[in-house]
Amino acid sequence: MRNFRLSVFVGSALLVWGAQAQAAGPSAAQQCADSTQVSHAACVREVGAAAQAARRGQLTSEDAATYERNAMARCSVFKNAQDRADCEKRMGPSARLSGSVDGGGLLREETTTYTITK
């Protein structure tokens, strides 16, 4: 009788968990349906990791100032002042963006025009 109660409890818990998972959104297979075979496994892993982090409350969206600080921090690797300034311009709002994260990368372009006099 004890084993029967345990199996009923476990079975009920799995049904409730399954219903919650279904209500949470599309499955990893649905979200990764258009990815290539090589990236499909990575996509499924990432979807699973994101779902787990969301359940733990670890997925947060930062404010705009935090994103701007992070973008400028990427330019700190440049030791040359001109290179660092160019990087900061590329990270700024006037930079032209192309590409996509889905496509493999986001490209930032900033054009500087110089006048050379002789």
N, C-alpha and C. Protein backbone atom coordinates (compact mmCIF):
# COMPACT_ATOMS: atom_id res chain seq x y z
N MET A 1 0.82 -1.20 0.00
CA MET A 1 0.00 0.00 0.00
C MET A 1 0.86 1.26 0.00
N ARG A 2 1.97 1.19 0.76
CA ARG A 2 2.86 2.34 0.84
C ARG A 2 3.48 2.67 -0.53
N ASN A 3 3.91 1.63 -1.27
CA ASN A 3 4.49 1.85 -2.60
C ASN A 3 3.46 2.41 -3.57
N PHE A 4 2.21 1.97 -3.41
CA PHE A 4 1.15 2.47 -4.28
C PHE A 4 0.96 3.96 -4.07
N ARG A 5 0.93 4.43 -2.81
CA ARG A 5 0.76 5.85 -2.50
C ARG A 5 1.93 6.66 -3.06
N LEU A 6 3.13 6.11 -2.91
CA LEU A 6 4.31 6.81 -3.41
C LEU A 6 4.24 6.96 -4.93
N SER A 7 3.86 5.89 -5.61
CA SER A 7 3.79 5.96 -7.07
C SER A 7 2.68 6.90 -7.54
N VAL A 8 1.56 6.93 -6.81
CA VAL A 8 0.49 7.87 -7.16
C VAL A 8 0.97 9.30 -6.95
N PHE A 9 1.68 9.54 -5.83
CA PHE A 9 2.20 10.87 -5.55
C PHE A 9 3.18 11.31 -6.62
N VAL A 10 4.14 10.43 -6.95
CA VAL A 10 5.15 10.76 -7.96
C VAL A 10 4.49 10.97 -9.32
N GLY A 11 3.55 10.12 -9.65
CA GLY A 11 2.84 10.27 -10.92
C GLY A 11 2.09 11.58 -11.00
N SER A 12 1.42 11.96 -9.91
CA SER A 12 0.69 13.23 -9.86
C SER A 12 1.65 14.41 -9.97
N ALA A 13 2.77 14.32 -9.29
CA ALA A 13 3.76 15.39 -9.34
C ALA A 13 4.28 15.57 -10.76
N LEU A 14 4.54 14.47 -11.44
CA LEU A 14 5.03 14.55 -12.81
C LEU A 14 3.98 15.16 -13.74
N LEU A 15 2.72 14.83 -13.53
CA LEU A 15 1.66 15.42 -14.36
C LEU A 15 1.57 16.92 -14.13
N VAL A 16 1.65 17.35 -12.88
CA VAL A 16 1.59 18.78 -12.58
C VAL A 16 2.79 19.49 -13.18
N TRP A 17 3.99 18.90 -13.02
CA TRP A 17 5.20 19.51 -13.56
C TRP A 17 5.11 19.60 -15.08
N GLY A 18 4.62 18.55 -15.72
CA GLY A 18 4.47 18.54 -17.17
C GLY A 18 3.50 19.60 -17.66
N ALA A 19 2.40 19.78 -16.92
CA ALA A 19 1.42 20.80 -17.29
C ALA A 19 2.03 22.20 -17.16
N GLN A 20 2.81 22.42 -16.10
CA GLN A 20 3.47 23.71 -15.93
C GLN A 20 4.48 23.96 -17.04
N ALA A 21 5.24 22.93 -17.38
CA ALA A 21 6.24 23.09 -18.44
C ALA A 21 5.56 23.38 -19.77
N GLN A 22 4.42 22.73 -20.03
CA GLN A 22 3.70 22.96 -21.28
C GLN A 22 3.14 24.37 -21.31
N ALA A 23 2.64 24.86 -20.17
CA ALA A 23 2.06 26.20 -20.11
C ALA A 23 3.13 27.28 -20.19
N ALA A 24 4.37 26.93 -19.86
CA ALA A 24 5.44 27.92 -19.81
C ALA A 24 5.81 28.45 -21.19
N GLY A 25 5.59 27.69 -22.22
CA GLY A 25 5.93 28.17 -23.55
C GLY A 25 6.31 27.02 -24.46
N PRO A 26 6.77 27.36 -25.65
CA PRO A 26 7.13 26.31 -26.60
C PRO A 26 8.31 25.49 -26.11
N SER A 27 8.33 24.24 -26.54
CA SER A 27 9.40 23.35 -26.11
C SER A 27 10.71 23.71 -26.81
N ALA A 28 11.79 23.14 -26.30
CA ALA A 28 13.10 23.38 -26.90
C ALA A 28 13.11 22.91 -28.35
N ALA A 29 12.43 21.79 -28.62
CA ALA A 29 12.38 21.27 -29.99
C ALA A 29 11.70 22.26 -30.92
N GLN A 30 10.63 22.90 -30.44
CA GLN A 30 9.93 23.88 -31.26
C GLN A 30 10.77 25.13 -31.45
N GLN A 31 11.45 25.58 -30.40
CA GLN A 31 12.26 26.78 -30.50
C GLN A 31 13.48 26.58 -31.38
N CYS A 32 13.99 25.38 -31.44
CA CYS A 32 15.23 25.10 -32.18
C CYS A 32 14.95 24.40 -33.51
N ALA A 33 13.71 24.41 -33.97
CA ALA A 33 13.34 23.65 -35.16
C ALA A 33 14.09 24.10 -36.41
N ASP A 34 14.39 25.38 -36.54
CA ASP A 34 15.02 25.87 -37.77
C ASP A 34 16.54 25.92 -37.69
N SER A 35 17.13 25.46 -36.59
CA SER A 35 18.59 25.48 -36.48
C SER A 35 19.18 24.28 -37.21
N THR A 36 20.44 24.41 -37.61
CA THR A 36 21.10 23.33 -38.32
C THR A 36 21.34 22.16 -37.39
N GLN A 37 21.66 21.02 -37.94
CA GLN A 37 21.85 19.82 -37.12
C GLN A 37 22.99 20.02 -36.12
N VAL A 38 24.06 20.69 -36.54
CA VAL A 38 25.19 20.91 -35.65
C VAL A 38 24.80 21.84 -34.51
N SER A 39 24.07 22.90 -34.83
CA SER A 39 23.72 23.86 -33.79
C SER A 39 22.45 23.48 -33.04
N HIS A 40 21.72 22.46 -33.51
CA HIS A 40 20.48 22.06 -32.85
C HIS A 40 20.75 21.58 -31.42
N ALA A 41 21.77 20.78 -31.24
CA ALA A 41 22.09 20.28 -29.90
C ALA A 41 22.47 21.43 -28.97
N ALA A 42 23.24 22.37 -29.49
CA ALA A 42 23.63 23.53 -28.69
C ALA A 42 22.41 24.39 -28.37
N CYS A 43 21.51 24.54 -29.33
CA CYS A 43 20.30 25.32 -29.12
C CYS A 43 19.45 24.69 -28.02
N VAL A 44 19.26 23.39 -28.09
CA VAL A 44 18.46 22.69 -27.08
C VAL A 44 19.09 22.85 -25.70
N ARG A 45 20.42 22.76 -25.62
CA ARG A 45 21.12 22.95 -24.34
C ARG A 45 20.90 24.36 -23.81
N GLU A 46 21.01 25.36 -24.69
CA GLU A 46 20.83 26.75 -24.27
C GLU A 46 19.40 27.03 -23.82
N VAL A 47 18.43 26.48 -24.52
CA VAL A 47 17.03 26.67 -24.13
C VAL A 47 16.80 26.04 -22.76
N GLY A 48 17.36 24.86 -22.54
CA GLY A 48 17.23 24.20 -21.25
C GLY A 48 17.90 24.99 -20.14
N ALA A 49 19.09 25.50 -20.41
CA ALA A 49 19.82 26.28 -19.40
C ALA A 49 19.07 27.57 -19.08
N ALA A 50 18.50 28.21 -20.11
CA ALA A 50 17.74 29.44 -19.88
C ALA A 50 16.48 29.16 -19.06
N ALA A 51 15.81 28.05 -19.36
CA ALA A 51 14.61 27.70 -18.59
C ALA A 51 14.96 27.44 -17.13
N GLN A 52 16.07 26.74 -16.92
CA GLN A 52 16.50 26.45 -15.55
C GLN A 52 16.86 27.75 -14.82
N ALA A 53 17.57 28.64 -15.47
CA ALA A 53 17.93 29.92 -14.85
C ALA A 53 16.69 30.76 -14.56
N ALA A 54 15.70 30.70 -15.45
CA ALA A 54 14.46 31.44 -15.23
C ALA A 54 13.72 30.91 -14.00
N ARG A 55 13.70 29.60 -13.86
CA ARG A 55 13.03 29.01 -12.68
C ARG A 55 13.72 29.44 -11.39
N ARG A 56 15.02 29.63 -11.45
CA ARG A 56 15.77 30.05 -10.26
C ARG A 56 15.74 31.56 -10.05
N GLY A 57 15.13 32.29 -10.97
CA GLY A 57 15.07 33.74 -10.86
C GLY A 57 16.38 34.41 -11.22
N GLN A 58 17.21 33.75 -12.02
CA GLN A 58 18.52 34.28 -12.37
C GLN A 58 18.53 35.05 -13.68
N LEU A 59 17.43 35.06 -14.40
CA LEU A 59 17.37 35.82 -15.64
C LEU A 59 16.77 37.19 -15.34
N THR A 60 17.56 38.19 -15.48
CA THR A 60 17.09 39.55 -15.22
C THR A 60 17.47 40.43 -16.39
N SER A 61 16.76 41.49 -16.53
CA SER A 61 17.06 42.47 -17.56
C SER A 61 17.59 43.72 -16.87
N GLU A 62 18.76 44.11 -17.24
CA GLU A 62 19.39 45.28 -16.61
C GLU A 62 18.85 46.56 -17.21
N ASP A 63 19.13 47.66 -16.57
CA ASP A 63 18.70 48.95 -17.09
C ASP A 63 19.65 49.41 -18.20
N ALA A 64 19.26 50.44 -18.92
CA ALA A 64 20.04 50.93 -20.06
C ALA A 64 21.44 51.38 -19.66
N ALA A 65 21.57 51.97 -18.48
CA ALA A 65 22.89 52.44 -18.03
C ALA A 65 23.87 51.28 -17.85
N THR A 66 23.37 50.16 -17.37
CA THR A 66 24.23 48.98 -17.20
C THR A 66 24.71 48.46 -18.55
N TYR A 67 23.80 48.41 -19.54
CA TYR A 67 24.19 47.96 -20.87
C TYR A 67 25.23 48.91 -21.49
N GLU A 68 25.05 50.20 -21.27
CA GLU A 68 26.01 51.18 -21.81
C GLU A 68 27.38 51.01 -21.15
N ARG A 69 27.40 50.81 -19.84
CA ARG A 69 28.69 50.59 -19.14
C ARG A 69 29.37 49.32 -19.66
N ASN A 70 28.60 48.28 -19.88
CA ASN A 70 29.17 47.04 -20.40
C ASN A 70 29.75 47.24 -21.80
N ALA A 71 29.03 47.99 -22.63
CA ALA A 71 29.52 48.25 -23.99
C ALA A 71 30.82 49.03 -23.95
N MET A 72 30.90 50.03 -23.11
CA MET A 72 32.12 50.83 -23.02
C MET A 72 33.26 50.04 -22.38
N ALA A 73 32.94 49.12 -21.50
CA ALA A 73 33.98 48.29 -20.87
C ALA A 73 34.68 47.41 -21.91
N ARG A 74 33.97 47.07 -22.98
CA ARG A 74 34.59 46.27 -24.04
C ARG A 74 35.74 47.02 -24.71
N CYS A 75 35.69 48.33 -24.66
CA CYS A 75 36.72 49.15 -25.30
C CYS A 75 37.96 49.30 -24.44
N SER A 76 37.91 48.87 -23.20
CA SER A 76 39.06 49.04 -22.30
C SER A 76 40.25 48.17 -22.70
N VAL A 77 40.05 47.21 -23.58
CA VAL A 77 41.16 46.36 -24.01
C VAL A 77 42.14 47.13 -24.90
N PHE A 78 41.67 48.22 -25.49
CA PHE A 78 42.54 49.01 -26.36
C PHE A 78 43.43 49.92 -25.51
N LYS A 79 44.73 49.80 -25.69
CA LYS A 79 45.69 50.60 -24.91
C LYS A 79 45.99 51.93 -25.59
N ASN A 80 45.88 51.96 -26.90
CA ASN A 80 46.09 53.18 -27.67
C ASN A 80 44.85 54.07 -27.51
N ALA A 81 45.05 55.33 -27.18
CA ALA A 81 43.93 56.25 -26.93
C ALA A 81 43.03 56.40 -28.15
N GLN A 82 43.63 56.48 -29.35
CA GLN A 82 42.83 56.64 -30.57
C GLN A 82 41.98 55.39 -30.82
N ASP A 83 42.58 54.21 -30.63
CA ASP A 83 41.83 52.96 -30.83
C ASP A 83 40.66 52.88 -29.85
N ARG A 84 40.90 53.27 -28.60
CA ARG A 84 39.84 53.24 -27.59
C ARG A 84 38.73 54.22 -27.95
N ALA A 85 39.10 55.42 -28.39
CA ALA A 85 38.10 56.42 -28.79
C ALA A 85 37.28 55.94 -29.98
N ASP A 86 37.93 55.30 -30.95
CA ASP A 86 37.21 54.75 -32.10
C ASP A 86 36.24 53.66 -31.66
N CYS A 87 36.66 52.81 -30.74
CA CYS A 87 35.80 51.75 -30.23
C CYS A 87 34.57 52.36 -29.54
N GLU A 88 34.79 53.38 -28.73
CA GLU A 88 33.69 54.03 -28.02
C GLU A 88 32.70 54.67 -28.99
N LYS A 89 33.20 55.19 -30.11
CA LYS A 89 32.30 55.75 -31.13
C LYS A 89 31.48 54.63 -31.78
N ARG A 90 32.13 53.48 -32.01
CA ARG A 90 31.39 52.34 -32.60
C ARG A 90 30.32 51.83 -31.64
N MET A 91 30.54 51.94 -30.36
CA MET A 91 29.56 51.48 -29.37
C MET A 91 28.47 52.53 -29.13
N GLY A 92 28.67 53.74 -29.61
CA GLY A 92 27.74 54.83 -29.37
C GLY A 92 26.49 54.74 -30.24
N PRO A 93 25.57 55.66 -30.01
CA PRO A 93 24.28 55.62 -30.71
C PRO A 93 24.36 55.99 -32.19
N SER A 94 25.43 56.66 -32.61
CA SER A 94 25.49 57.07 -34.02
C SER A 94 26.10 55.99 -34.92
N ALA A 95 26.56 54.91 -34.35
CA ALA A 95 27.16 53.83 -35.14
C ALA A 95 26.08 53.12 -35.96
N ARG A 96 26.48 52.70 -37.14
CA ARG A 96 25.56 51.95 -38.01
C ARG A 96 25.65 50.47 -37.66
N LEU A 97 24.51 49.82 -37.48
CA LEU A 97 24.47 48.39 -37.13
C LEU A 97 24.03 47.58 -38.33
N SER A 98 24.64 46.42 -38.49
CA SER A 98 24.20 45.48 -39.52
C SER A 98 24.41 44.07 -38.99
N GLY A 99 23.79 43.13 -39.66
CA GLY A 99 23.87 41.74 -39.21
C GLY A 99 22.83 41.47 -38.14
N SER A 100 22.94 40.28 -37.56
CA SER A 100 22.00 39.91 -36.50
C SER A 100 22.64 38.88 -35.60
N VAL A 101 22.13 38.78 -34.41
CA VAL A 101 22.62 37.77 -33.48
C VAL A 101 22.32 36.39 -34.06
N ASP A 102 21.11 36.21 -34.61
CA ASP A 102 20.75 34.94 -35.23
C ASP A 102 21.66 34.58 -36.38
N GLY A 103 22.11 35.60 -37.11
CA GLY A 103 22.97 35.38 -38.26
C GLY A 103 24.42 35.16 -37.90
N GLY A 104 24.77 35.28 -36.64
CA GLY A 104 26.13 34.98 -36.21
C GLY A 104 26.90 36.18 -35.70
N GLY A 105 26.34 37.36 -35.82
CA GLY A 105 27.07 38.50 -35.28
C GLY A 105 26.42 39.82 -35.62
N LEU A 106 26.62 40.77 -34.76
CA LEU A 106 26.13 42.12 -34.96
C LEU A 106 27.34 42.98 -35.24
N LEU A 107 27.35 43.64 -36.39
CA LEU A 107 28.50 44.46 -36.78
C LEU A 107 28.19 45.92 -36.53
N ARG A 108 29.15 46.63 -35.95
CA ARG A 108 29.01 48.06 -35.67
C ARG A 108 30.00 48.81 -36.54
N GLU A 109 29.52 49.88 -37.17
CA GLU A 109 30.39 50.64 -38.06
C GLU A 109 30.23 52.12 -37.77
N GLU A 110 31.34 52.78 -37.66
CA GLU A 110 31.37 54.23 -37.48
C GLU A 110 32.35 54.78 -38.51
N THR A 111 31.94 55.77 -39.28
CA THR A 111 32.78 56.33 -40.31
C THR A 111 33.34 57.67 -39.85
N THR A 112 34.64 57.81 -39.99
CA THR A 112 35.31 59.06 -39.67
C THR A 112 35.96 59.58 -40.94
N THR A 113 35.66 60.83 -41.28
CA THR A 113 36.21 61.43 -42.49
C THR A 113 37.34 62.37 -42.09
N TYR A 114 38.47 62.21 -42.74
CA TYR A 114 39.65 63.04 -42.50
C TYR A 114 39.91 63.89 -43.73
N THR A 115 40.28 65.13 -43.53
CA THR A 115 40.67 66.01 -44.62
C THR A 115 42.19 66.17 -44.57
N ILE A 116 42.82 65.81 -45.66
CA ILE A 116 44.27 65.91 -45.73
C ILE A 116 44.63 67.13 -46.58
N THR A 117 45.40 68.00 -46.02
CA THR A 117 45.83 69.18 -46.75
C THR A 117 47.31 69.08 -47.03
N LYS A 118 47.71 69.58 -48.17
CA LYS A 118 49.12 69.51 -48.55
C LYS A 118 49.76 70.84 -48.44
